Amino acid sequence: MTDVLDRISALLGASTRDLDQIERTLTDGYACALTLEAERWRLEKRVLALSQGIETGDTAGKARELADVARRFESNGGDLTKLRALLSELRRHADDVRVASLS
């Protein structure tokens, strides 16, 4: 994901007018967002499963795993929020480039 964030930031910082490069980066960014969303869904399911079964078996182990999964869930959410914000900004930039090319 870091690569995609770096590429988006570079495109926004340089105000590039290469629409093909912008669109490729948007596509890669959307794919990365979908991957993060899928991981978030898996983590959410794991939190639910752990919380429902925490009283049976290795309670301490499940509590540690639950804490770990919850941290990953929170980190994932932050990454997803940051990526979505940058993608929105890059989409606006792409729209501006497209309009400018029509002039």
PDB file of N, CA and C in Angstrom:
ATOM      1  N   MET A   1       0.814  -1.187   0.000  1.00  0.00           N
ATOM      2  CA  MET A   1       0.000   0.000   0.000  1.00  0.00           C
ATOM      3  C   MET A   1       0.864   1.261   0.000  1.00  0.00           C
ATOM      4  N   THR A   2       1.997   1.186   0.628  1.00  0.00           N
ATOM      5  CA  THR A   2       2.882   2.345   0.695  1.00  0.00           C
ATOM      6  C   THR A   2       3.258   2.826  -0.698  1.00  0.00           C
ATOM      7  N   ASP A   3       3.496   1.877  -1.602  1.00  0.00           N
ATOM      8  CA  ASP A   3       3.842   2.226  -2.981  1.00  0.00           C
ATOM      9  C   ASP A   3       2.719   3.039  -3.634  1.00  0.00           C
ATOM     10  N   VAL A   4       1.495   2.602  -3.450  1.00  0.00           N
ATOM     11  CA  VAL A   4       0.348   3.311  -4.046  1.00  0.00           C
ATOM     12  C   VAL A   4       0.216   4.697  -3.437  1.00  0.00           C
ATOM     13  N   LEU A   5       0.343   4.801  -2.118  1.00  0.00           N
ATOM     14  CA  LEU A   5       0.258   6.115  -1.463  1.00  0.00           C
ATOM     15  C   LEU A   5       1.354   7.044  -1.958  1.00  0.00           C
ATOM     16  N   ASP A   6       2.562   6.518  -2.119  1.00  0.00           N
ATOM     17  CA  ASP A   6       3.682   7.330  -2.618  1.00  0.00           C
ATOM     18  C   ASP A   6       3.418   7.807  -4.045  1.00  0.00           C
ATOM     19  N   ARG A   7       2.900   6.896  -4.880  1.00  0.00           N
ATOM     20  CA  ARG A   7       2.616   7.273  -6.271  1.00  0.00           C
ATOM     21  C   ARG A   7       1.520   8.335  -6.339  1.00  0.00           C
ATOM     22  N   ILE A   8       0.482   8.195  -5.529  1.00  0.00           N
ATOM     23  CA  ILE A   8      -0.598   9.191  -5.519  1.00  0.00           C
ATOM     24  C   ILE A   8      -0.050  10.535  -5.062  1.00  0.00           C
ATOM     25  N   SER A   9       0.705  10.528  -3.976  1.00  0.00           N
ATOM     26  CA  SER A   9       1.281  11.778  -3.460  1.00  0.00           C
ATOM     27  C   SER A   9       2.188  12.439  -4.486  1.00  0.00           C
ATOM     28  N   ALA A  10       2.974  11.623  -5.185  1.00  0.00           N
ATOM     29  CA  ALA A  10       3.872  12.167  -6.209  1.00  0.00           C
ATOM     30  C   ALA A  10       3.072  12.808  -7.339  1.00  0.00           C
ATOM     31  N   LEU A  11       2.015  12.150  -7.781  1.00  0.00           N
ATOM     32  CA  LEU A  11       1.183  12.712  -8.860  1.00  0.00           C
ATOM     33  C   LEU A  11       0.522  14.013  -8.426  1.00  0.00           C
ATOM     34  N   LEU A  12       0.053  14.055  -7.200  1.00  0.00           N
ATOM     35  CA  LEU A  12      -0.600  15.267  -6.706  1.00  0.00           C
ATOM     36  C   LEU A  12       0.408  16.388  -6.502  1.00  0.00           C
ATOM     37  N   GLY A  13       1.592  16.042  -6.017  1.00  0.00           N
ATOM     38  CA  GLY A  13       2.631  17.042  -5.772  1.00  0.00           C
ATOM     39  C   GLY A  13       3.202  17.631  -7.046  1.00  0.00           C
ATOM     40  N   ALA A  14       3.258  16.822  -8.079  1.00  0.00           N
ATOM     41  CA  ALA A  14       3.836  17.276  -9.340  1.00  0.00           C
ATOM     42  C   ALA A  14       2.800  17.915 -10.247  1.00  0.00           C
ATOM     43  N   SER A  15       1.535  17.781  -9.891  1.00  0.00           N
ATOM     44  CA  SER A  15       0.434  18.271 -10.736  1.00  0.00           C
ATOM     45  C   SER A  15       0.597  17.787 -12.176  1.00  0.00           C
ATOM     46  N   THR A  16       0.915  16.532 -12.321  1.00  0.00           N
ATOM     47  CA  THR A  16       1.128  15.957 -13.647  1.00  0.00           C
ATOM     48  C   THR A  16      -0.143  16.032 -14.484  1.00  0.00           C
ATOM     49  N   ARG A  17       0.049  16.106 -15.755  1.00  0.00           N
ATOM     50  CA  ARG A  17      -1.074  16.175 -16.700  1.00  0.00           C
ATOM     51  C   ARG A  17      -1.190  14.888 -17.506  1.00  0.00           C
ATOM     52  N   ASP A  18      -0.439  13.849 -17.110  1.00  0.00           N
ATOM     53  CA  ASP A  18      -0.470  12.565 -17.798  1.00  0.00           C
ATOM     54  C   ASP A  18      -1.686  11.774 -17.318  1.00  0.00           C
ATOM     55  N   LEU A  19      -2.782  11.902 -18.047  1.00  0.00           N
ATOM     56  CA  LEU A  19      -4.046  11.292 -17.652  1.00  0.00           C
ATOM     57  C   LEU A  19      -3.954   9.767 -17.591  1.00  0.00           C
ATOM     58  N   ASP A  20      -3.192   9.157 -18.500  1.00  0.00           N
ATOM     59  CA  ASP A  20      -3.032   7.698 -18.464  1.00  0.00           C
ATOM     60  C   ASP A  20      -2.372   7.252 -17.160  1.00  0.00           C
ATOM     61  N   GLN A  21      -1.347   7.953 -16.757  1.00  0.00           N
ATOM     62  CA  GLN A  21      -0.642   7.620 -15.511  1.00  0.00           C
ATOM     63  C   GLN A  21      -1.567   7.843 -14.305  1.00  0.00           C
ATOM     64  N   ILE A  22      -2.321   8.905 -14.321  1.00  0.00           N
ATOM     65  CA  ILE A  22      -3.258   9.188 -13.232  1.00  0.00           C
ATOM     66  C   ILE A  22      -4.311   8.087 -13.147  1.00  0.00           C
ATOM     67  N   GLU A  23      -4.870   7.699 -14.288  1.00  0.00           N
ATOM     68  CA  GLU A  23      -5.911   6.664 -14.295  1.00  0.00           C
ATOM     69  C   GLU A  23      -5.360   5.310 -13.847  1.00  0.00           C
ATOM     70  N   ARG A  24      -4.136   4.973 -14.263  1.00  0.00           N
ATOM     71  CA  ARG A  24      -3.517   3.714 -13.813  1.00  0.00           C
ATOM     72  C   ARG A  24      -3.348   3.720 -12.298  1.00  0.00           C
ATOM     73  N   THR A  25      -2.917   4.842 -11.776  1.00  0.00           N
ATOM     74  CA  THR A  25      -2.697   4.953 -10.340  1.00  0.00           C
ATOM     75  C   THR A  25      -4.027   4.901  -9.594  1.00  0.00           C
ATOM     76  N   LEU A  26      -5.054   5.528 -10.150  1.00  0.00           N
ATOM     77  CA  LEU A  26      -6.382   5.431  -9.532  1.00  0.00           C
ATOM     78  C   LEU A  26      -6.858   3.978  -9.485  1.00  0.00           C
ATOM     79  N   THR A  27      -6.671   3.265 -10.594  1.00  0.00           N
ATOM     80  CA  THR A  27      -7.072   1.857 -10.651  1.00  0.00           C
ATOM     81  C   THR A  27      -6.329   1.039  -9.598  1.00  0.00           C
ATOM     82  N   ASP A  28      -5.017   1.247  -9.506  1.00  0.00           N
ATOM     83  CA  ASP A  28      -4.225   0.539  -8.496  1.00  0.00           C
ATOM     84  C   ASP A  28      -4.686   0.914  -7.088  1.00  0.00           C
ATOM     85  N   GLY A  29      -4.998   2.174  -6.895  1.00  0.00           N
ATOM     86  CA  GLY A  29      -5.463   2.632  -5.587  1.00  0.00           C
ATOM     87  C   GLY A  29      -6.808   2.037  -5.210  1.00  0.00           C
ATOM     88  N   TYR A  30      -7.723   1.964  -6.172  1.00  0.00           N
ATOM     89  CA  TYR A  30      -9.028   1.355  -5.902  1.00  0.00           C
ATOM     90  C   TYR A  30      -8.868  -0.128  -5.593  1.00  0.00           C
ATOM     91  N   ALA A  31      -7.961  -0.805  -6.290  1.00  0.00           N
ATOM     92  CA  ALA A  31      -7.705  -2.225  -6.014  1.00  0.00           C
ATOM     93  C   ALA A  31      -7.150  -2.393  -4.599  1.00  0.00           C
ATOM     94  N   CYS A  32      -6.270  -1.503  -4.213  1.00  0.00           N
ATOM     95  CA  CYS A  32      -5.706  -1.546  -2.866  1.00  0.00           C
ATOM     96  C   CYS A  32      -6.803  -1.294  -1.823  1.00  0.00           C
ATOM     97  N   ALA A  33      -7.693  -0.359  -2.102  1.00  0.00           N
ATOM     98  CA  ALA A  33      -8.801  -0.077  -1.181  1.00  0.00           C
ATOM     99  C   ALA A  33      -9.704  -1.300  -1.035  1.00  0.00           C
ATOM    100  N   LEU A  34      -9.972  -1.982  -2.132  1.00  0.00           N
ATOM    101  CA  LEU A  34     -10.793  -3.195  -2.062  1.00  0.00           C
ATOM    102  C   LEU A  34     -10.111  -4.272  -1.228  1.00  0.00           C
ATOM    103  N   THR A  35      -8.807  -4.387  -1.374  1.00  0.00           N
ATOM    104  CA  THR A  35      -8.049  -5.351  -0.574  1.00  0.00           C
ATOM    105  C   THR A  35      -8.137  -5.011   0.910  1.00  0.00           C
ATOM    106  N   LEU A  36      -7.987  -3.730   1.240  1.00  0.00           N
ATOM    107  CA  LEU A  36      -8.109  -3.295   2.632  1.00  0.00           C
ATOM    108  C   LEU A  36      -9.510  -3.546   3.177  1.00  0.00           C
ATOM    109  N   GLU A  37     -10.516  -3.292   2.351  1.00  0.00           N
ATOM    110  CA  GLU A  37     -11.893  -3.528   2.786  1.00  0.00           C
ATOM    111  C   GLU A  37     -12.142  -5.012   3.031  1.00  0.00           C
ATOM    112  N   ALA A  38     -11.598  -5.871   2.182  1.00  0.00           N
ATOM    113  CA  ALA A  38     -11.749  -7.320   2.369  1.00  0.00           C
ATOM    114  C   ALA A  38     -11.051  -7.761   3.654  1.00  0.00           C
ATOM    115  N   GLU A  39      -9.864  -7.234   3.880  1.00  0.00           N
ATOM    116  CA  GLU A  39      -9.148  -7.569   5.113  1.00  0.00           C
ATOM    117  C   GLU A  39      -9.916  -7.065   6.329  1.00  0.00           C
ATOM    118  N   ARG A  40     -10.483  -5.902   6.236  1.00  0.00           N
ATOM    119  CA  ARG A  40     -11.272  -5.341   7.341  1.00  0.00           C
ATOM    120  C   ARG A  40     -12.467  -6.249   7.653  1.00  0.00           C
ATOM    121  N   TRP A  41     -13.103  -6.754   6.614  1.00  0.00           N
ATOM    122  CA  TRP A  41     -14.240  -7.650   6.791  1.00  0.00           C
ATOM    123  C   TRP A  41     -13.795  -8.940   7.488  1.00  0.00           C
ATOM    124  N   ARG A  42     -12.642  -9.495   7.049  1.00  0.00           N
ATOM    125  CA  ARG A  42     -12.118 -10.708   7.689  1.00  0.00           C
ATOM    126  C   ARG A  42     -11.771 -10.459   9.159  1.00  0.00           C
ATOM    127  N   LEU A  43     -11.152  -9.319   9.449  1.00  0.00           N
ATOM    128  CA  LEU A  43     -10.806  -8.990  10.828  1.00  0.00           C
ATOM    129  C   LEU A  43     -12.064  -8.826  11.682  1.00  0.00           C
ATOM    130  N   GLU A  44     -13.067  -8.188  11.118  1.00  0.00           N
ATOM    131  CA  GLU A  44     -14.329  -7.999  11.846  1.00  0.00           C
ATOM    132  C   GLU A  44     -14.957  -9.355  12.185  1.00  0.00           C
ATOM    133  N   LYS A  45     -14.950 -10.277  11.227  1.00  0.00           N
ATOM    134  CA  LYS A  45     -15.480 -11.612  11.478  1.00  0.00           C
ATOM    135  C   LYS A  45     -14.673 -12.324  12.564  1.00  0.00           C
ATOM    136  N   ARG A  46     -13.361 -12.139  12.549  1.00  0.00           N
ATOM    137  CA  ARG A  46     -12.519 -12.787  13.552  1.00  0.00           C
ATOM    138  C   ARG A  46     -12.784 -12.214  14.936  1.00  0.00           C
ATOM    139  N   VAL A  47     -12.952 -10.898  15.039  1.00  0.00           N
ATOM    140  CA  VAL A  47     -13.279 -10.271  16.325  1.00  0.00           C
ATOM    141  C   VAL A  47     -14.578 -10.856  16.867  1.00  0.00           C
ATOM    142  N   LEU A  48     -15.566 -10.988  16.012  1.00  0.00           N
ATOM    143  CA  LEU A  48     -16.851 -11.546  16.431  1.00  0.00           C
ATOM    144  C   LEU A  48     -16.694 -12.983  16.914  1.00  0.00           C
ATOM    145  N   ALA A  49     -15.967 -13.798  16.151  1.00  0.00           N
ATOM    146  CA  ALA A  49     -15.770 -15.199  16.536  1.00  0.00           C
ATOM    147  C   ALA A  49     -15.021 -15.304  17.865  1.00  0.00           C
ATOM    148  N   LEU A  50     -13.979 -14.499  18.030  1.00  0.00           N
ATOM    149  CA  LEU A  50     -13.218 -14.542  19.280  1.00  0.00           C
ATOM    150  C   LEU A  50     -14.055 -14.083  20.463  1.00  0.00           C
ATOM    151  N   SER A  51     -14.812 -13.031  20.275  1.00  0.00           N
ATOM    152  CA  SER A  51     -15.608 -12.511  21.385  1.00  0.00           C
ATOM    153  C   SER A  51     -16.718 -13.478  21.778  1.00  0.00           C
ATOM    154  N   GLN A  52     -17.248 -14.199  20.815  1.00  0.00           N
ATOM    155  CA  GLN A  52     -18.295 -15.161  21.133  1.00  0.00           C
ATOM    156  C   GLN A  52     -17.742 -16.388  21.849  1.00  0.00           C
ATOM    157  N   GLY A  53     -16.498 -16.741  21.610  1.00  0.00           N
ATOM    158  CA  GLY A  53     -15.936 -17.943  22.197  1.00  0.00           C
ATOM    159  C   GLY A  53     -14.884 -17.701  23.251  1.00  0.00           C
ATOM    160  N   ILE A  54     -14.786 -16.482  23.741  1.00  0.00           N
ATOM    161  CA  ILE A  54     -13.695 -16.142  24.655  1.00  0.00           C
ATOM    162  C   ILE A  54     -13.787 -16.884  25.982  1.00  0.00           C
ATOM    163  N   GLU A  55     -14.960 -17.281  26.390  1.00  0.00           N
ATOM    164  CA  GLU A  55     -15.119 -17.935  27.689  1.00  0.00           C
ATOM    165  C   GLU A  55     -14.756 -19.422  27.653  1.00  0.00           C
ATOM    166  N   THR A  56     -14.563 -19.977  26.471  1.00  0.00           N
ATOM    167  CA  THR A  56     -14.236 -21.400  26.382  1.00  0.00           C
ATOM    168  C   THR A  56     -12.788 -21.579  25.953  1.00  0.00           C
ATOM    169  N   GLY A  57     -12.156 -22.600  26.467  1.00  0.00           N
ATOM    170  CA  GLY A  57     -10.786 -22.898  26.051  1.00  0.00           C
ATOM    171  C   GLY A  57      -9.775 -21.963  26.672  1.00  0.00           C
ATOM    172  N   ASP A  58      -8.782 -21.602  25.888  1.00  0.00           N
ATOM    173  CA  ASP A  58      -7.667 -20.749  26.322  1.00  0.00           C
ATOM    174  C   ASP A  58      -8.120 -19.290  26.352  1.00  0.00           C
ATOM    175  N   THR A  59      -8.705 -18.885  27.454  1.00  0.00           N
ATOM    176  CA  THR A  59      -9.249 -17.528  27.575  1.00  0.00           C
ATOM    177  C   THR A  59      -8.164 -16.468  27.422  1.00  0.00           C
ATOM    178  N   ALA A  60      -7.028 -16.673  28.066  1.00  0.00           N
ATOM    179  CA  ALA A  60      -5.941 -15.687  27.992  1.00  0.00           C
ATOM    180  C   ALA A  60      -5.413 -15.576  26.566  1.00  0.00           C
ATOM    181  N   GLY A  61      -5.248 -16.701  25.905  1.00  0.00           N
ATOM    182  CA  GLY A  61      -4.775 -16.692  24.518  1.00  0.00           C
ATOM    183  C   GLY A  61      -5.755 -16.008  23.594  1.00  0.00           C
ATOM    184  N   LYS A  62      -7.026 -16.277  23.801  1.00  0.00           N
ATOM    185  CA  LYS A  62      -8.055 -15.641  22.968  1.00  0.00           C
ATOM    186  C   LYS A  62      -8.116 -14.145  23.232  1.00  0.00           C
ATOM    187  N   ALA A  63      -7.934 -13.749  24.485  1.00  0.00           N
ATOM    188  CA  ALA A  63      -7.944 -12.322  24.816  1.00  0.00           C
ATOM    189  C   ALA A  63      -6.766 -11.615  24.142  1.00  0.00           C
ATOM    190  N   ARG A  64      -5.590 -12.260  24.129  1.00  0.00           N
ATOM    191  CA  ARG A  64      -4.426 -11.663  23.455  1.00  0.00           C
ATOM    192  C   ARG A  64      -4.680 -11.553  21.955  1.00  0.00           C
ATOM    193  N   GLU A  65      -5.226 -12.621  21.378  1.00  0.00           N
ATOM    194  CA  GLU A  65      -5.517 -12.586  19.941  1.00  0.00           C
ATOM    195  C   GLU A  65      -6.562 -11.524  19.624  1.00  0.00           C
ATOM    196  N   LEU A  66      -7.568 -11.412  20.476  1.00  0.00           N
ATOM    197  CA  LEU A  66      -8.608 -10.400  20.272  1.00  0.00           C
ATOM    198  C   LEU A  66      -8.009  -8.996  20.292  1.00  0.00           C
ATOM    199  N   ALA A  67      -7.105  -8.758  21.235  1.00  0.00           N
ATOM    200  CA  ALA A  67      -6.446  -7.447  21.303  1.00  0.00           C
ATOM    201  C   ALA A  67      -5.623  -7.188  20.049  1.00  0.00           C
ATOM    202  N   ASP A  68      -4.918  -8.214  19.573  1.00  0.00           N
ATOM    203  CA  ASP A  68      -4.107  -8.079  18.360  1.00  0.00           C
ATOM    204  C   ASP A  68      -4.987  -7.804  17.138  1.00  0.00           C
ATOM    205  N   VAL A  69      -6.055  -8.563  16.998  1.00  0.00           N
ATOM    206  CA  VAL A  69      -6.959  -8.380  15.858  1.00  0.00           C
ATOM    207  C   VAL A  69      -7.618  -7.000  15.914  1.00  0.00           C
ATOM    208  N   ALA A  70      -7.974  -6.559  17.114  1.00  0.00           N
ATOM    209  CA  ALA A  70      -8.588  -5.232  17.260  1.00  0.00           C
ATOM    210  C   ALA A  70      -7.605  -4.132  16.843  1.00  0.00           C
ATOM    211  N   ARG A  71      -6.327  -4.283  17.199  1.00  0.00           N
ATOM    212  CA  ARG A  71      -5.312  -3.296  16.777  1.00  0.00           C
ATOM    213  C   ARG A  71      -5.168  -3.286  15.262  1.00  0.00           C
ATOM    214  N   ARG A  72      -5.127  -4.481  14.669  1.00  0.00           N
ATOM    215  CA  ARG A  72      -5.022  -4.561  13.209  1.00  0.00           C
ATOM    216  C   ARG A  72      -6.246  -3.952  12.540  1.00  0.00           C
ATOM    217  N   PHE A  73      -7.415  -4.176  13.113  1.00  0.00           N
ATOM    218  CA  PHE A  73      -8.663  -3.622  12.587  1.00  0.00           C
ATOM    219  C   PHE A  73      -8.607  -2.093  12.605  1.00  0.00           C
ATOM    220  N   GLU A  74      -8.134  -1.544  13.709  1.00  0.00           N
ATOM    221  CA  GLU A  74      -8.033  -0.086  13.838  1.00  0.00           C
ATOM    222  C   GLU A  74      -7.020   0.483  12.850  1.00  0.00           C
ATOM    223  N   SER A  75      -5.870  -0.160  12.728  1.00  0.00           N
ATOM    224  CA  SER A  75      -4.843   0.289  11.794  1.00  0.00           C
ATOM    225  C   SER A  75      -5.355   0.230  10.357  1.00  0.00           C
ATOM    226  N   ASN A  76      -6.031  -0.851  10.032  1.00  0.00           N
ATOM    227  CA  ASN A  76      -6.610  -1.023   8.705  1.00  0.00           C
ATOM    228  C   ASN A  76      -7.581   0.121   8.396  1.00  0.00           C
ATOM    229  N   GLY A  77      -8.410   0.462   9.378  1.00  0.00           N
ATOM    230  CA  GLY A  77      -9.372   1.552   9.180  1.00  0.00           C
ATOM    231  C   GLY A  77      -8.691   2.877   8.904  1.00  0.00           C
ATOM    232  N   GLY A  78      -7.604   3.136   9.614  1.00  0.00           N
ATOM    233  CA  GLY A  78      -6.848   4.367   9.378  1.00  0.00           C
ATOM    234  C   GLY A  78      -6.217   4.392   8.000  1.00  0.00           C
ATOM    235  N   ASP A  79      -5.655   3.251   7.606  1.00  0.00           N
ATOM    236  CA  ASP A  79      -5.061   3.152   6.268  1.00  0.00           C
ATOM    237  C   ASP A  79      -6.109   3.364   5.184  1.00  0.00           C
ATOM    238  N   LEU A  80      -7.261   2.749   5.381  1.00  0.00           N
ATOM    239  CA  LEU A  80      -8.338   2.859   4.393  1.00  0.00           C
ATOM    240  C   LEU A  80      -8.848   4.295   4.291  1.00  0.00           C
ATOM    241  N   THR A  81      -8.998   4.961   5.414  1.00  0.00           N
ATOM    242  CA  THR A  81      -9.447   6.359   5.413  1.00  0.00           C
ATOM    243  C   THR A  81      -8.454   7.251   4.683  1.00  0.00           C
ATOM    244  N   LYS A  82      -7.171   7.056   4.962  1.00  0.00           N
ATOM    245  CA  LYS A  82      -6.128   7.853   4.308  1.00  0.00           C
ATOM    246  C   LYS A  82      -6.131   7.603   2.804  1.00  0.00           C
ATOM    247  N   LEU A  83      -6.208   6.336   2.412  1.00  0.00           N
ATOM    248  CA  LEU A  83      -6.196   5.993   0.990  1.00  0.00           C
ATOM    249  C   LEU A  83      -7.407   6.573   0.282  1.00  0.00           C
ATOM    250  N   ARG A  84      -8.575   6.456   0.873  1.00  0.00           N
ATOM    251  CA  ARG A  84      -9.793   7.002   0.246  1.00  0.00           C
ATOM    252  C   ARG A  84      -9.693   8.512   0.055  1.00  0.00           C
ATOM    253  N   ALA A  85      -9.143   9.205   1.049  1.00  0.00           N
ATOM    254  CA  ALA A  85      -8.986  10.665   0.938  1.00  0.00           C
ATOM    255  C   ALA A  85      -8.052  11.022  -0.213  1.00  0.00           C
ATOM    256  N   LEU A  86      -6.932  10.317  -0.315  1.00  0.00           N
ATOM    257  CA  LEU A  86      -5.992  10.593  -1.405  1.00  0.00           C
ATOM    258  C   LEU A  86      -6.582  10.226  -2.763  1.00  0.00           C
ATOM    259  N   LEU A  87      -7.340   9.138  -2.816  1.00  0.00           N
ATOM    260  CA  LEU A  87      -7.985   8.756  -4.079  1.00  0.00           C
ATOM    261  C   LEU A  87      -9.005   9.806  -4.516  1.00  0.00           C
ATOM    262  N   SER A  88      -9.737  10.351  -3.570  1.00  0.00           N
ATOM    263  CA  SER A  88     -10.704  11.411  -3.899  1.00  0.00           C
ATOM    264  C   SER A  88      -9.993  12.634  -4.458  1.00  0.00           C
ATOM    265  N   GLU A  89      -8.885  12.970  -3.833  1.00  0.00           N
ATOM    266  CA  GLU A  89      -8.107  14.121  -4.305  1.00  0.00           C
ATOM    267  C   GLU A  89      -7.538  13.861  -5.699  1.00  0.00           C
ATOM    268  N   LEU A  90      -7.038  12.638  -5.917  1.00  0.00           N
ATOM    269  CA  LEU A  90      -6.498  12.307  -7.236  1.00  0.00           C
ATOM    270  C   LEU A  90      -7.604  12.257  -8.282  1.00  0.00           C
ATOM    271  N   ARG A  91      -8.789  11.799  -7.921  1.00  0.00           N
ATOM    272  CA  ARG A  91      -9.931  11.778  -8.853  1.00  0.00           C
ATOM    273  C   ARG A  91     -10.286  13.207  -9.272  1.00  0.00           C
ATOM    274  N   ARG A  92     -10.313  14.122  -8.315  1.00  0.00           N
ATOM    275  CA  ARG A  92     -10.584  15.538  -8.641  1.00  0.00           C
ATOM    276  C   ARG A  92      -9.505  16.081  -9.574  1.00  0.00           C
ATOM    277  N   HIS A  93      -8.257  15.713  -9.306  1.00  0.00           N
ATOM    278  CA  HIS A  93      -7.153  16.152 -10.163  1.00  0.00           C
ATOM    279  C   HIS A  93      -7.336  15.599 -11.582  1.00  0.00           C
ATOM    280  N   ALA A  94      -7.727  14.332 -11.679  1.00  0.00           N
ATOM    281  CA  ALA A  94      -7.962  13.723 -12.995  1.00  0.00           C
ATOM    282  C   ALA A  94      -9.083  14.449 -13.723  1.00  0.00           C
ATOM    283  N   ASP A  95     -10.125  14.796 -13.010  1.00  0.00           N
ATOM    284  CA  ASP A  95     -11.230  15.542 -13.623  1.00  0.00           C
ATOM    285  C   ASP A  95     -10.758  16.904 -14.133  1.00  0.00           C
ATOM    286  N   ASP A  96      -9.927  17.562 -13.347  1.00  0.00           N
ATOM    287  CA  ASP A  96      -9.373  18.868 -13.766  1.00  0.00           C
ATOM    288  C   ASP A  96      -8.514  18.720 -14.999  1.00  0.00           C
ATOM    289  N   VAL A  97      -7.699  17.678 -15.045  1.00  0.00           N
ATOM    290  CA  VAL A  97      -6.850  17.429 -16.217  1.00  0.00           C
ATOM    291  C   VAL A  97      -7.725  17.161 -17.436  1.00  0.00           C
ATOM    292  N   ARG A  98      -8.756  16.367 -17.252  1.00  0.00           N
ATOM    293  CA  ARG A  98      -9.665  16.034 -18.367  1.00  0.00           C
ATOM    294  C   ARG A  98     -10.342  17.305 -18.901  1.00  0.00           C
ATOM    295  N   VAL A  99     -10.814  18.168 -18.012  1.00  0.00           N
ATOM    296  CA  VAL A  99     -11.463  19.413 -18.435  1.00  0.00           C
ATOM    297  C   VAL A  99     -10.468  20.325 -19.138  1.00  0.00           C
ATOM    298  N   ALA A 100      -9.254  20.422 -18.596  1.00  0.00           N
ATOM    299  CA  ALA A 100      -8.240  21.280 -19.210  1.00  0.00           C
ATOM    300  C   ALA A 100      -7.849  20.795 -20.606  1.00  0.00           C
ATOM    301  N   SER A 101      -7.895  19.484 -20.813  1.00  0.00           N
ATOM    302  CA  SER A 101      -7.525  18.947 -22.130  1.00  0.00           C
ATOM    303  C   SER A 101      -8.583  19.255 -23.187  1.00  0.00           C
ATOM    304  N   LEU A 102      -9.787  19.562 -22.754  1.00  0.00           N
ATOM    305  CA  LEU A 102     -10.874  19.892 -23.688  1.00  0.00           C
ATOM    306  C   LEU A 102     -10.802  21.342 -24.152  1.00  0.00           C
ATOM    307  N   SER A 103     -10.063  22.135 -23.410  1.00  0.00           N
ATOM    308  CA  SER A 103      -9.982  23.587 -23.741  1.00  0.00           C
ATOM    309  C   SER A 103      -9.075  23.860 -24.896  1.00  0.00           C
TER     310      SER A 103
END
